[in-house]
Full PDB file with SEQRES, HELIX, SHEET, SSBOND, CRYST1, ORIGX, SCALE, CONECT and MASTER records, all heavy atoms in Angstrom:
SEQRES   1 A   42  GLN ALA VAL SER GLN HIS LEU ARG VAL LEU GLN GLU ALA          
SEQRES   2 A   42  GLY LEU ILE SER ARG GLY ARG ALA ALA GLN ARG ARG PRO          
SEQRES   3 A   42  SER ARG LEU VAL GLY ALA PRO LEU ARG GLY ALA ALA GLU          
SEQRES   4 A   42  TRP LEU ASP                                                  
HELIX    1 AA1 ALA A    2  GLU A   12  1                                  11    
HELIX    2 AA2 ALA A   32  LEU A   41  1                                  10    
SHEET    1 AA1 2 ILE A  16  ARG A  18  0                                        
SHEET    2 AA1 2 SER A  27  LEU A  29 -1                                        
CRYST1    1.000    1.000    1.000  90.00  90.00  90.00 P 1           1          
ORIGX1      1.000000  0.000000  0.000000        0.00000                         
ORIGX2      0.000000  1.000000  0.000000        0.00000                         
ORIGX3      0.000000  0.000000  1.000000        0.00000                         
SCALE1      1.000000  0.000000  0.000000        0.00000                         
SCALE2      0.000000  1.000000  0.000000        0.00000                         
SCALE3      0.000000  0.000000  1.000000        0.00000                         
ATOM      1  N   GLN A   1     137.912 154.819 186.607  1.00  0.00           N  
ATOM      2  CA  GLN A   1     136.804 154.258 185.829  1.00  0.00           C  
ATOM      3  C   GLN A   1     136.034 155.369 185.098  1.00  0.00           C  
ATOM      4  O   GLN A   1     135.626 155.191 183.949  1.00  0.00           O  
ATOM      5  CB  GLN A   1     135.844 153.459 186.721  1.00  0.00           C  
ATOM      6  CG  GLN A   1     136.433 152.174 187.248  1.00  0.00           C  
ATOM      7  CD  GLN A   1     137.361 152.385 188.455  1.00  0.00           C  
ATOM      8  OE1 GLN A   1     137.431 153.468 189.032  1.00  0.00           O  
ATOM      9  NE2 GLN A   1     138.090 151.342 188.818  1.00  0.00           N  
ATOM     10  N   ALA A   2     135.838 156.501 185.763  1.00  0.00           N  
ATOM     11  CA  ALA A   2     135.143 157.622 185.116  1.00  0.00           C  
ATOM     12  C   ALA A   2     135.966 158.159 183.954  1.00  0.00           C  
ATOM     13  O   ALA A   2     135.418 158.491 182.892  1.00  0.00           O  
ATOM     14  CB  ALA A   2     134.855 158.722 186.130  1.00  0.00           C  
ATOM     15  N   VAL A   3     137.276 158.241 184.142  1.00  0.00           N  
ATOM     16  CA  VAL A   3     138.148 158.692 183.049  1.00  0.00           C  
ATOM     17  C   VAL A   3     138.076 157.692 181.896  1.00  0.00           C  
ATOM     18  O   VAL A   3     138.021 158.083 180.726  1.00  0.00           O  
ATOM     19  CB  VAL A   3     139.598 158.907 183.534  1.00  0.00           C  
ATOM     20  CG1 VAL A   3     140.541 159.145 182.365  1.00  0.00           C  
ATOM     21  CG2 VAL A   3     139.657 160.078 184.506  1.00  0.00           C  
ATOM     22  N   SER A   4     138.026 156.409 182.210  1.00  0.00           N  
ATOM     23  CA  SER A   4     137.892 155.381 181.169  1.00  0.00           C  
ATOM     24  C   SER A   4     136.615 155.574 180.363  1.00  0.00           C  
ATOM     25  O   SER A   4     136.605 155.385 179.145  1.00  0.00           O  
ATOM     26  CB  SER A   4     137.903 153.981 181.790  1.00  0.00           C  
ATOM     27  OG  SER A   4     139.172 153.684 182.287  1.00  0.00           O  
ATOM     28  N   GLN A   5     135.540 155.946 181.033  1.00  0.00           N  
ATOM     29  CA  GLN A   5     134.283 156.205 180.320  1.00  0.00           C  
ATOM     30  C   GLN A   5     134.420 157.405 179.384  1.00  0.00           C  
ATOM     31  O   GLN A   5     133.929 157.383 178.255  1.00  0.00           O  
ATOM     32  CB  GLN A   5     133.145 156.423 181.304  1.00  0.00           C  
ATOM     33  CG  GLN A   5     132.751 155.153 182.041  1.00  0.00           C  
ATOM     34  CD  GLN A   5     131.704 155.399 183.109  1.00  0.00           C  
ATOM     35  OE1 GLN A   5     131.474 156.518 183.553  1.00  0.00           O  
ATOM     36  NE2 GLN A   5     131.053 154.328 183.544  1.00  0.00           N  
ATOM     37  N   HIS A   6     135.095 158.454 179.860  1.00  0.00           N  
ATOM     38  CA  HIS A   6     135.341 159.616 179.001  1.00  0.00           C  
ATOM     39  C   HIS A   6     136.194 159.212 177.789  1.00  0.00           C  
ATOM     40  O   HIS A   6     135.934 159.657 176.667  1.00  0.00           O  
ATOM     41  CB  HIS A   6     136.041 160.733 179.774  1.00  0.00           C  
ATOM     42  CG  HIS A   6     135.140 161.479 180.707  1.00  0.00           C  
ATOM     43  ND1 HIS A   6     134.070 162.227 180.273  1.00  0.00           N  
ATOM     44  CD2 HIS A   6     135.152 161.604 182.053  1.00  0.00           C  
ATOM     45  CE1 HIS A   6     133.461 162.784 181.311  1.00  0.00           C  
ATOM     46  NE2 HIS A   6     134.100 162.412 182.409  1.00  0.00           N  
ATOM     47  N   LEU A   7     137.188 158.381 178.025  1.00  0.00           N  
ATOM     48  CA  LEU A   7     138.036 157.922 176.923  1.00  0.00           C  
ATOM     49  C   LEU A   7     137.235 157.107 175.918  1.00  0.00           C  
ATOM     50  O   LEU A   7     137.464 157.212 174.705  1.00  0.00           O  
ATOM     51  CB  LEU A   7     139.210 157.102 177.463  1.00  0.00           C  
ATOM     52  CG  LEU A   7     140.252 157.885 178.252  1.00  0.00           C  
ATOM     53  CD1 LEU A   7     141.285 156.937 178.842  1.00  0.00           C  
ATOM     54  CD2 LEU A   7     140.910 158.952 177.403  1.00  0.00           C  
ATOM     55  N   ARG A   8     136.290 156.327 176.388  1.00  0.00           N  
ATOM     56  CA  ARG A   8     135.444 155.548 175.480  1.00  0.00           C  
ATOM     57  C   ARG A   8     134.652 156.473 174.557  1.00  0.00           C  
ATOM     58  O   ARG A   8     134.545 156.241 173.351  1.00  0.00           O  
ATOM     59  CB  ARG A   8     134.503 154.642 176.278  1.00  0.00           C  
ATOM     60  CG  ARG A   8     133.779 153.634 175.417  1.00  0.00           C  
ATOM     61  CD  ARG A   8     132.960 152.621 176.208  1.00  0.00           C  
ATOM     62  NE  ARG A   8     133.732 152.007 177.285  1.00  0.00           N  
ATOM     63  CZ  ARG A   8     133.445 152.153 178.590  1.00  0.00           C  
ATOM     64  NH1 ARG A   8     132.409 152.857 178.967  1.00  0.00           N  
ATOM     65  NH2 ARG A   8     134.183 151.560 179.504  1.00  0.00           N  
ATOM     66  N   VAL A   9     134.091 157.548 175.129  1.00  0.00           N  
ATOM     67  CA  VAL A   9     133.337 158.512 174.317  1.00  0.00           C  
ATOM     68  C   VAL A   9     134.262 159.164 173.289  1.00  0.00           C  
ATOM     69  O   VAL A   9     133.902 159.304 172.119  1.00  0.00           O  
ATOM     70  CB  VAL A   9     132.678 159.591 175.216  1.00  0.00           C  
ATOM     71  CG1 VAL A   9     132.072 160.710 174.382  1.00  0.00           C  
ATOM     72  CG2 VAL A   9     131.624 158.955 176.107  1.00  0.00           C  
ATOM     73  N   LEU A  10     135.451 159.558 173.727  1.00  0.00           N  
ATOM     74  CA  LEU A  10     136.412 160.191 172.810  1.00  0.00           C  
ATOM     75  C   LEU A  10     136.830 159.228 171.707  1.00  0.00           C  
ATOM     76  O   LEU A  10     136.974 159.622 170.542  1.00  0.00           O  
ATOM     77  CB  LEU A  10     137.632 160.693 173.583  1.00  0.00           C  
ATOM     78  CG  LEU A  10     137.372 161.866 174.531  1.00  0.00           C  
ATOM     79  CD1 LEU A  10     138.572 162.096 175.442  1.00  0.00           C  
ATOM     80  CD2 LEU A  10     137.033 163.128 173.754  1.00  0.00           C  
ATOM     81  N   GLN A  11     137.004 157.963 172.059  1.00  0.00           N  
ATOM     82  CA  GLN A  11     137.397 156.967 171.067  1.00  0.00           C  
ATOM     83  C   GLN A  11     136.258 156.713 170.074  1.00  0.00           C  
ATOM     84  O   GLN A  11     136.493 156.619 168.871  1.00  0.00           O  
ATOM     85  CB  GLN A  11     137.801 155.670 171.759  1.00  0.00           C  
ATOM     86  CG  GLN A  11     138.405 154.641 170.823  1.00  0.00           C  
ATOM     87  CD  GLN A  11     138.959 153.443 171.557  1.00  0.00           C  
ATOM     88  OE1 GLN A  11     138.669 153.215 172.725  1.00  0.00           O  
ATOM     89  NE2 GLN A  11     139.761 152.656 170.876  1.00  0.00           N  
ATOM     90  N   GLU A  12     135.033 156.631 170.559  1.00  0.00           N  
ATOM     91  CA  GLU A  12     133.884 156.412 169.670  1.00  0.00           C  
ATOM     92  C   GLU A  12     133.699 157.586 168.711  1.00  0.00           C  
ATOM     93  O   GLU A  12     133.229 157.410 167.596  1.00  0.00           O  
ATOM     94  CB  GLU A  12     132.621 156.172 170.486  1.00  0.00           C  
ATOM     95  CG  GLU A  12     132.611 154.820 171.178  1.00  0.00           C  
ATOM     96  CD  GLU A  12     131.458 154.643 172.153  1.00  0.00           C  
ATOM     97  OE1 GLU A  12     130.623 155.559 172.294  1.00  0.00           O  
ATOM     98  OE2 GLU A  12     131.400 153.569 172.786  1.00  0.00           O  
ATOM     99  N   ALA A  13     134.095 158.784 169.146  1.00  0.00           N  
ATOM    100  CA  ALA A  13     134.014 159.965 168.285  1.00  0.00           C  
ATOM    101  C   ALA A  13     135.209 160.052 167.341  1.00  0.00           C  
ATOM    102  O   ALA A  13     135.252 160.942 166.490  1.00  0.00           O  
ATOM    103  CB  ALA A  13     133.928 161.233 169.138  1.00  0.00           C  
ATOM    104  N   GLY A  14     136.178 159.150 167.501  1.00  0.00           N  
ATOM    105  CA  GLY A  14     137.357 159.153 166.636  1.00  0.00           C  
ATOM    106  C   GLY A  14     138.406 160.175 167.033  1.00  0.00           C  
ATOM    107  O   GLY A  14     139.341 160.422 166.279  1.00  0.00           O  
ATOM    108  N   LEU A  15     138.252 160.788 168.212  1.00  0.00           N  
ATOM    109  CA  LEU A  15     139.173 161.834 168.646  1.00  0.00           C  
ATOM    110  C   LEU A  15     140.451 161.294 169.272  1.00  0.00           C  
ATOM    111  O   LEU A  15     141.439 162.009 169.375  1.00  0.00           O  
ATOM    112  CB  LEU A  15     138.474 162.772 169.636  1.00  0.00           C  
ATOM    113  CG  LEU A  15     137.361 163.611 169.016  1.00  0.00           C  
ATOM    114  CD1 LEU A  15     136.488 164.215 170.097  1.00  0.00           C  
ATOM    115  CD2 LEU A  15     137.954 164.674 168.121  1.00  0.00           C  
ATOM    116  N   ILE A  16     140.420 160.039 169.723  1.00  0.00           N  
ATOM    117  CA  ILE A  16     141.619 159.415 170.266  1.00  0.00           C  
ATOM    118  C   ILE A  16     141.722 157.993 169.732  1.00  0.00           C  
ATOM    119  O   ILE A  16     140.734 157.418 169.267  1.00  0.00           O  
ATOM    120  CB  ILE A  16     141.645 159.374 171.815  1.00  0.00           C  
ATOM    121  CG1 ILE A  16     140.559 158.455 172.367  1.00  0.00           C  
ATOM    122  CG2 ILE A  16     141.557 160.771 172.407  1.00  0.00           C  
ATOM    123  CD1 ILE A  16     140.725 158.090 173.829  1.00  0.00           C  
ATOM    124  N   SER A  17     142.927 157.458 169.804  1.00  0.00           N  
ATOM    125  CA  SER A  17     143.131 156.040 169.545  1.00  0.00           C  
ATOM    126  C   SER A  17     143.820 155.466 170.770  1.00  0.00           C  
ATOM    127  O   SER A  17     144.481 156.186 171.523  1.00  0.00           O  
ATOM    128  CB  SER A  17     143.979 155.821 168.288  1.00  0.00           C  
ATOM    129  OG  SER A  17     145.290 156.323 168.485  1.00  0.00           O  
ATOM    130  N   ARG A  18     143.620 154.188 170.986  1.00  0.00           N  
ATOM    131  CA  ARG A  18     144.222 153.535 172.148  1.00  0.00           C  
ATOM    132  C   ARG A  18     145.063 152.378 171.651  1.00  0.00           C  
ATOM    133  O   ARG A  18     144.631 151.602 170.812  1.00  0.00           O  
ATOM    134  CB  ARG A  18     143.135 153.057 173.101  1.00  0.00           C  
ATOM    135  CG  ARG A  18     142.312 154.273 173.567  1.00  0.00           C  
ATOM    136  CD  ARG A  18     141.350 153.973 174.623  1.00  0.00           C  
ATOM    137  NE  ARG A  18     142.071 153.747 175.874  1.00  0.00           N  
ATOM    138  CZ  ARG A  18     141.497 153.273 176.952  1.00  0.00           C  
ATOM    139  NH1 ARG A  18     140.224 152.955 176.931  1.00  0.00           N  
ATOM    140  NH2 ARG A  18     142.178 153.105 178.055  1.00  0.00           N  
ATOM    141  N   GLY A  19     146.257 152.316 172.174  1.00  0.00           N  
ATOM    142  CA  GLY A  19     147.176 151.261 171.770  1.00  0.00           C  
ATOM    143  C   GLY A  19     147.457 150.312 172.907  1.00  0.00           C  
ATOM    144  O   GLY A  19     146.827 150.358 173.950  1.00  0.00           O  
ATOM    145  N   ARG A  20     148.427 149.456 172.670  1.00  0.00           N  
ATOM    146  CA  ARG A  20     148.855 148.531 173.709  1.00  0.00           C  
ATOM    147  C   ARG A  20     150.360 148.395 173.572  1.00  0.00           C  
ATOM    148  O   ARG A  20     150.876 148.043 172.523  1.00  0.00           O  
ATOM    149  CB  ARG A  20     148.186 147.179 173.549  1.00  0.00           C  
ATOM    150  CG  ARG A  20     148.525 146.234 174.684  1.00  0.00           C  
ATOM    151  CD  ARG A  20     147.783 144.921 174.609  1.00  0.00           C  
ATOM    152  NE  ARG A  20     146.338 145.019 174.695  1.00  0.00           N  
ATOM    153  CZ  ARG A  20     145.640 145.134 175.822  1.00  0.00           C  
ATOM    154  NH1 ARG A  20     146.264 145.209 176.970  1.00  0.00           N  
ATOM    155  NH2 ARG A  20     144.333 145.172 175.806  1.00  0.00           N  
ATOM    156  N   ALA A  21     151.052 148.725 174.658  1.00  0.00           N  
ATOM    157  CA  ALA A  21     152.507 148.577 174.721  1.00  0.00           C  
ATOM    158  C   ALA A  21     152.820 147.852 176.021  1.00  0.00           C  
ATOM    159  O   ALA A  21     152.797 148.461 177.089  1.00  0.00           O  
ATOM    160  CB  ALA A  21     153.183 149.948 174.674  1.00  0.00           C  
ATOM    161  N   ALA A  22     153.055 146.549 175.917  1.00  0.00           N  
ATOM    162  CA  ALA A  22     153.261 145.693 177.097  1.00  0.00           C  
ATOM    163  C   ALA A  22     152.030 145.798 177.989  1.00  0.00           C  
ATOM    164  O   ALA A  22     150.927 145.527 177.555  1.00  0.00           O  
ATOM    165  CB  ALA A  22     154.540 146.061 177.820  1.00  0.00           C  
ATOM    166  N   GLN A  23     152.188 146.251 179.232  1.00  0.00           N  
ATOM    167  CA  GLN A  23     151.066 146.390 180.153  1.00  0.00           C  
ATOM    168  C   GLN A  23     150.352 147.730 179.996  1.00  0.00           C  
ATOM    169  O   GLN A  23     149.300 147.937 180.580  1.00  0.00           O  
ATOM    170  CB  GLN A  23     151.552 146.246 181.609  1.00  0.00           C  
ATOM    171  CG  GLN A  23     152.179 144.903 181.902  1.00  0.00           C  
ATOM    172  CD  GLN A  23     151.138 143.790 181.939  1.00  0.00           C  
ATOM    173  OE1 GLN A  23     150.118 143.832 181.275  1.00  0.00           O  
ATOM    174  NE2 GLN A  23     151.434 142.764 182.723  1.00  0.00           N  
ATOM    175  N   ARG A  24     150.932 148.621 179.268  1.00  0.00           N  
ATOM    176  CA  ARG A  24     150.353 149.962 179.095  1.00  0.00           C  
ATOM    177  C   ARG A  24     149.337 149.978 177.967  1.00  0.00           C  
ATOM    178  O   ARG A  24     149.470 149.255 177.000  1.00  0.00           O  
ATOM    179  CB  ARG A  24     151.463 150.971 178.769  1.00  0.00           C  
ATOM    180  CG  ARG A  24     152.470 151.140 179.857  1.00  0.00           C  
ATOM    181  CD  ARG A  24     153.453 152.193 179.463  1.00  0.00           C  
ATOM    182  NE  ARG A  24     152.662 153.302 178.924  1.00  0.00           N  
ATOM    183  CZ  ARG A  24     153.119 154.506 178.687  1.00  0.00           C  
ATOM    184  NH1 ARG A  24     154.343 154.775 178.892  1.00  0.00           N  
ATOM    185  NH2 ARG A  24     152.350 155.452 178.217  1.00  0.00           N  
ATOM    186  N   ARG A  25     148.325 150.825 178.132  1.00  0.00           N  
ATOM    187  CA  ARG A  25     147.357 151.090 177.055  1.00  0.00           C  
ATOM    188  C   ARG A  25     147.309 152.596 176.849  1.00  0.00           C  
ATOM    189  O   ARG A  25     146.376 153.252 177.300  1.00  0.00           O  
ATOM    190  CB  ARG A  25     145.976 150.561 177.430  1.00  0.00           C  
ATOM    191  CG  ARG A  25     145.838 149.084 177.177  1.00  0.00           C  
ATOM    192  CD  ARG A  25     144.402 148.662 177.208  1.00  0.00           C  
ATOM    193  NE  ARG A  25     143.536 149.548 176.432  1.00  0.00           N  
ATOM    194  CZ  ARG A  25     142.788 149.182 175.407  1.00  0.00           C  
ATOM    195  NH1 ARG A  25     142.775 147.945 175.038  1.00  0.00           N  
ATOM    196  NH2 ARG A  25     142.036 150.040 174.787  1.00  0.00           N  
ATOM    197  N   PRO A  26     148.317 153.141 176.190  1.00  0.00           N  
ATOM    198  CA  PRO A  26     148.346 154.592 176.020  1.00  0.00           C  
ATOM    199  C   PRO A  26     147.269 155.081 175.038  1.00  0.00           C  
ATOM    200  O   PRO A  26     146.917 154.391 174.086  1.00  0.00           O  
ATOM    201  CB  PRO A  26     149.739 154.864 175.477  1.00  0.00           C  
ATOM    202  CG  PRO A  26     150.144 153.591 174.807  1.00  0.00           C  
ATOM    203  CD  PRO A  26     149.462 152.488 175.574  1.00  0.00           C  
ATOM    204  N   SER A  27     146.750 156.269 175.320  1.00  0.00           N  
ATOM    205  CA  SER A  27     145.805 156.932 174.423  1.00  0.00           C  
ATOM    206  C   SER A  27     146.555 158.034 173.703  1.00  0.00           C  
ATOM    207  O   SER A  27     147.464 158.650 174.257  1.00  0.00           O  
ATOM    208  CB  SER A  27     144.654 157.544 175.222  1.00  0.00           C  
ATOM    209  OG  SER A  27     143.922 156.534 175.869  1.00  0.00           O  
ATOM    210  N   ARG A  28     146.175 158.282 172.462  1.00  0.00           N  
ATOM    211  CA  ARG A  28     146.783 159.382 171.709  1.00  0.00           C  
ATOM    212  C   ARG A  28     145.714 160.147 170.944  1.00  0.00           C  
ATOM    213  O   ARG A  28     144.691 159.593 170.569  1.00  0.00           O  
ATOM    214  CB  ARG A  28     147.891 158.932 170.788  1.00  0.00           C  
ATOM    215  CG  ARG A  28     147.800 157.647 170.147  1.00  0.00           C  
ATOM    216  CD  ARG A  28     149.048 157.216 169.374  1.00  0.00           C  
ATOM    217  NE  ARG A  28     149.954 156.322 170.026  1.00  0.00           N  
ATOM    218  CZ  ARG A  28     149.680 155.086 170.392  1.00  0.00           C  
ATOM    219  NH1 ARG A  28     148.506 154.587 170.184  1.00  0.00           N  
ATOM    220  NH2 ARG A  28     150.572 154.342 170.966  1.00  0.00           N  
ATOM    221  N   LEU A  29     145.982 161.405 170.750  1.00  0.00           N  
ATOM    222  CA  LEU A  29     145.066 162.299 170.048  1.00  0.00           C  
ATOM    223  C   LEU A  29     145.032 161.968 168.564  1.00  0.00           C  
ATOM    224  O   LEU A  29     146.066 161.669 167.966  1.00  0.00           O  
ATOM    225  CB  LEU A  29     145.538 163.746 170.264  1.00  0.00           C  
ATOM    226  CG  LEU A  29     144.689 164.870 169.713  1.00  0.00           C  
ATOM    227  CD1 LEU A  29     143.325 164.885 170.380  1.00  0.00           C  
ATOM    228  CD2 LEU A  29     145.386 166.194 169.952  1.00  0.00           C  
ATOM    229  N   VAL A  30     143.840 162.041 167.968  1.00  0.00           N  
ATOM    230  CA  VAL A  30     143.657 161.888 166.522  1.00  0.00           C  
ATOM    231  C   VAL A  30     143.103 163.217 166.021  1.00  0.00           C  
ATOM    232  O   VAL A  30     142.045 163.654 166.479  1.00  0.00           O  
ATOM    233  CB  VAL A  30     142.683 160.725 166.194  1.00  0.00           C  
ATOM    234  CG1 VAL A  30     142.425 160.651 164.707  1.00  0.00           C  
ATOM    235  CG2 VAL A  30     143.233 159.415 166.722  1.00  0.00           C  
ATOM    236  N   GLY A  31     143.800 163.847 165.108  1.00  0.00           N  
ATOM    237  CA  GLY A  31     143.448 165.207 164.710  1.00  0.00           C  
ATOM    238  C   GLY A  31     142.363 165.371 163.665  1.00  0.00           C  
ATOM    239  O   GLY A  31     141.739 166.427 163.585  1.00  0.00           O  
ATOM    240  N   ALA A  32     142.101 164.357 162.858  1.00  0.00           N  
ATOM    241  CA  ALA A  32     141.177 164.531 161.731  1.00  0.00           C  
ATOM    242  C   ALA A  32     139.787 165.027 162.138  1.00  0.00           C  
ATOM    243  O   ALA A  32     139.273 165.964 161.511  1.00  0.00           O  
ATOM    244  CB  ALA A  32     141.074 163.240 160.931  1.00  0.00           C  
ATOM    245  N   PRO A  33     139.147 164.453 163.164  1.00  0.00           N  
ATOM    246  CA  PRO A  33     137.822 164.971 163.525  1.00  0.00           C  
ATOM    247  C   PRO A  33     137.871 166.419 164.014  1.00  0.00           C  
ATOM    248  O   PRO A  33     136.944 167.192 163.762  1.00  0.00           O  
ATOM    249  CB  PRO A  33     137.356 164.040 164.649  1.00  0.00           C  
ATOM    250  CG  PRO A  33     138.136 162.791 164.452  1.00  0.00           C  
ATOM    251  CD  PRO A  33     139.463 163.242 163.919  1.00  0.00           C  
ATOM    252  N   LEU A  34     138.943 166.793 164.685  1.00  0.00           N  
ATOM    253  CA  LEU A  34     139.079 168.189 165.125  1.00  0.00           C  
ATOM    254  C   LEU A  34     139.238 169.117 163.925  1.00  0.00           C  
ATOM    255  O   LEU A  34     138.693 170.215 163.912  1.00  0.00           O  
ATOM    256  CB  LEU A  34     140.269 168.339 166.078  1.00  0.00           C  
ATOM    257  CG  LEU A  34     140.108 167.663 167.434  1.00  0.00           C  
ATOM    258  CD1 LEU A  34     141.411 167.728 168.222  1.00  0.00           C  
ATOM    259  CD2 LEU A  34     138.978 168.294 168.219  1.00  0.00           C  
ATOM    260  N   ARG A  35     139.965 168.660 162.917  1.00  0.00           N  
ATOM    261  CA  ARG A  35     140.119 169.467 161.701  1.00  0.00           C  
ATOM    262  C   ARG A  35     138.757 169.657 161.039  1.00  0.00           C  
ATOM    263  O   ARG A  35     138.415 170.758 160.600  1.00  0.00           O  
ATOM    264  CB  ARG A  35     141.107 168.804 160.743  1.00  0.00           C  
ATOM    265  CG  ARG A  35     141.320 169.607 159.471  1.00  0.00           C  
ATOM    266  CD  ARG A  35     142.372 169.043 158.516  1.00  0.00           C  
ATOM    267  NE  ARG A  35     142.336 167.614 158.378  1.00  0.00           N  
ATOM    268  CZ  ARG A  35     143.290 166.771 158.830  1.00  0.00           C  
ATOM    269  NH1 ARG A  35     144.359 167.264 159.422  1.00  0.00           N  
ATOM    270  NH2 ARG A  35     143.178 165.481 158.675  1.00  0.00           N  
ATOM    271  N   GLY A  36     137.952 168.594 160.985  1.00  0.00           N  
ATOM    272  CA  GLY A  36     136.618 168.705 160.401  1.00  0.00           C  
ATOM    273  C   GLY A  36     135.758 169.704 161.146  1.00  0.00           C  
ATOM    274  O   GLY A  36     135.040 170.509 160.534  1.00  0.00           O  
ATOM    275  N   ALA A  37     135.822 169.691 162.486  1.00  0.00           N  
ATOM    276  CA  ALA A  37     135.052 170.647 163.291  1.00  0.00           C  
ATOM    277  C   ALA A  37     135.554 172.063 163.064  1.00  0.00           C  
ATOM    278  O   ALA A  37     134.753 173.005 162.929  1.00  0.00           O  
ATOM    279  CB  ALA A  37     135.140 170.286 164.776  1.00  0.00           C  
ATOM    280  N   ALA A  38     136.873 172.234 162.993  1.00  0.00           N  
ATOM    281  CA  ALA A  38     137.447 173.568 162.771  1.00  0.00           C  
ATOM    282  C   ALA A  38     137.042 174.107 161.397  1.00  0.00           C  
ATOM    283  O   ALA A  38     136.724 175.293 161.265  1.00  0.00           O  
ATOM    284  CB  ALA A  38     138.971 173.518 162.904  1.00  0.00           C  
ATOM    285  N   GLU A  39     137.041 173.240 160.400  1.00  0.00           N  
ATOM    286  CA  GLU A  39     136.638 173.671 159.052  1.00  0.00           C  
ATOM    287  C   GLU A  39     135.167 174.074 159.039  1.00  0.00           C  
ATOM    288  O   GLU A  39     134.788 175.059 158.401  1.00  0.00           O  
ATOM    289  CB  GLU A  39     136.916 172.569 158.037  1.00  0.00           C  
ATOM    290  CG  GLU A  39     138.391 172.384 157.768  1.00  0.00           C  
ATOM    291  CD  GLU A  39     138.702 171.149 156.935  1.00  0.00           C  
ATOM    292  OE1 GLU A  39     137.763 170.367 156.604  1.00  0.00           O  
ATOM    293  OE2 GLU A  39     139.890 170.949 156.626  1.00  0.00           O  
ATOM    294  N   TRP A  40     134.325 173.324 159.737  1.00  0.00           N  
ATOM    295  CA  TRP A  40     132.906 173.664 159.794  1.00  0.00           C  
ATOM    296  C   TRP A  40     132.727 175.020 160.479  1.00  0.00           C  
ATOM    297  O   TRP A  40     131.968 175.871 159.994  1.00  0.00           O  
ATOM    298  CB  TRP A  40     132.141 172.579 160.538  1.00  0.00           C  
ATOM    299  CG  TRP A  40     130.663 172.815 160.553  1.00  0.00           C  
ATOM    300  CD1 TRP A  40     129.770 172.487 159.587  1.00  0.00           C  
ATOM    301  CD2 TRP A  40     129.920 173.450 161.594  1.00  0.00           C  
ATOM    302  NE1 TRP A  40     128.503 172.874 159.967  1.00  0.00           N  
ATOM    303  CE2 TRP A  40     128.572 173.478 161.197  1.00  0.00           C  
ATOM    304  CE3 TRP A  40     130.267 174.000 162.820  1.00  0.00           C  
ATOM    305  CZ2 TRP A  40     127.573 174.025 161.973  1.00  0.00           C  
ATOM    306  CZ3 TRP A  40     129.269 174.542 163.605  1.00  0.00           C  
ATOM    307  CH2 TRP A  40     127.935 174.547 163.180  1.00  0.00           C  
ATOM    308  N   LEU A  41     133.394 175.219 161.603  1.00  0.00           N  
ATOM    309  CA  LEU A  41     133.304 176.496 162.319  1.00  0.00           C  
ATOM    310  C   LEU A  41     133.856 177.643 161.490  1.00  0.00           C  
ATOM    311  O   LEU A  41     133.335 178.760 161.544  1.00  0.00           O  
ATOM    312  CB  LEU A  41     134.055 176.411 163.652  1.00  0.00           C  
ATOM    313  CG  LEU A  41     133.394 175.566 164.725  1.00  0.00           C  
ATOM    314  CD1 LEU A  41     134.363 175.325 165.873  1.00  0.00           C  
ATOM    315  CD2 LEU A  41     132.124 176.223 165.224  1.00  0.00           C  
ATOM    316  N   ASP A  42     134.900 177.372 160.727  1.00  0.00           N  
ATOM    317  CA  ASP A  42     135.518 178.417 159.907  1.00  0.00           C  
ATOM    318  C   ASP A  42     134.531 178.975 158.878  1.00  0.00           C  
ATOM    319  O   ASP A  42     134.632 180.134 158.478  1.00  0.00           O  
ATOM    320  CB  ASP A  42     136.758 177.862 159.207  1.00  0.00           C  
ATOM    321  CG  ASP A  42     137.691 178.962 158.747  1.00  0.00           C  
ATOM    322  OD1 ASP A  42     137.924 179.905 159.538  1.00  0.00           O  
ATOM    323  OD2 ASP A  42     138.181 178.879 157.608  1.00  0.00           O  
TER     324      ASP A  42                                                      
MASTER        0    0    0    2    2    0    0    6  323    1    0    4          
END                                                                             
């Protein structure tokens, strides 16, 4: 449940997406927000 809460924060920030494959709900990384942060830091 705690990991699910962390995933919710990551999803709201656009850093991950969550899908549905049968009974599975896999999460995957979304790179665009990280690229934006890297460009800002650069």
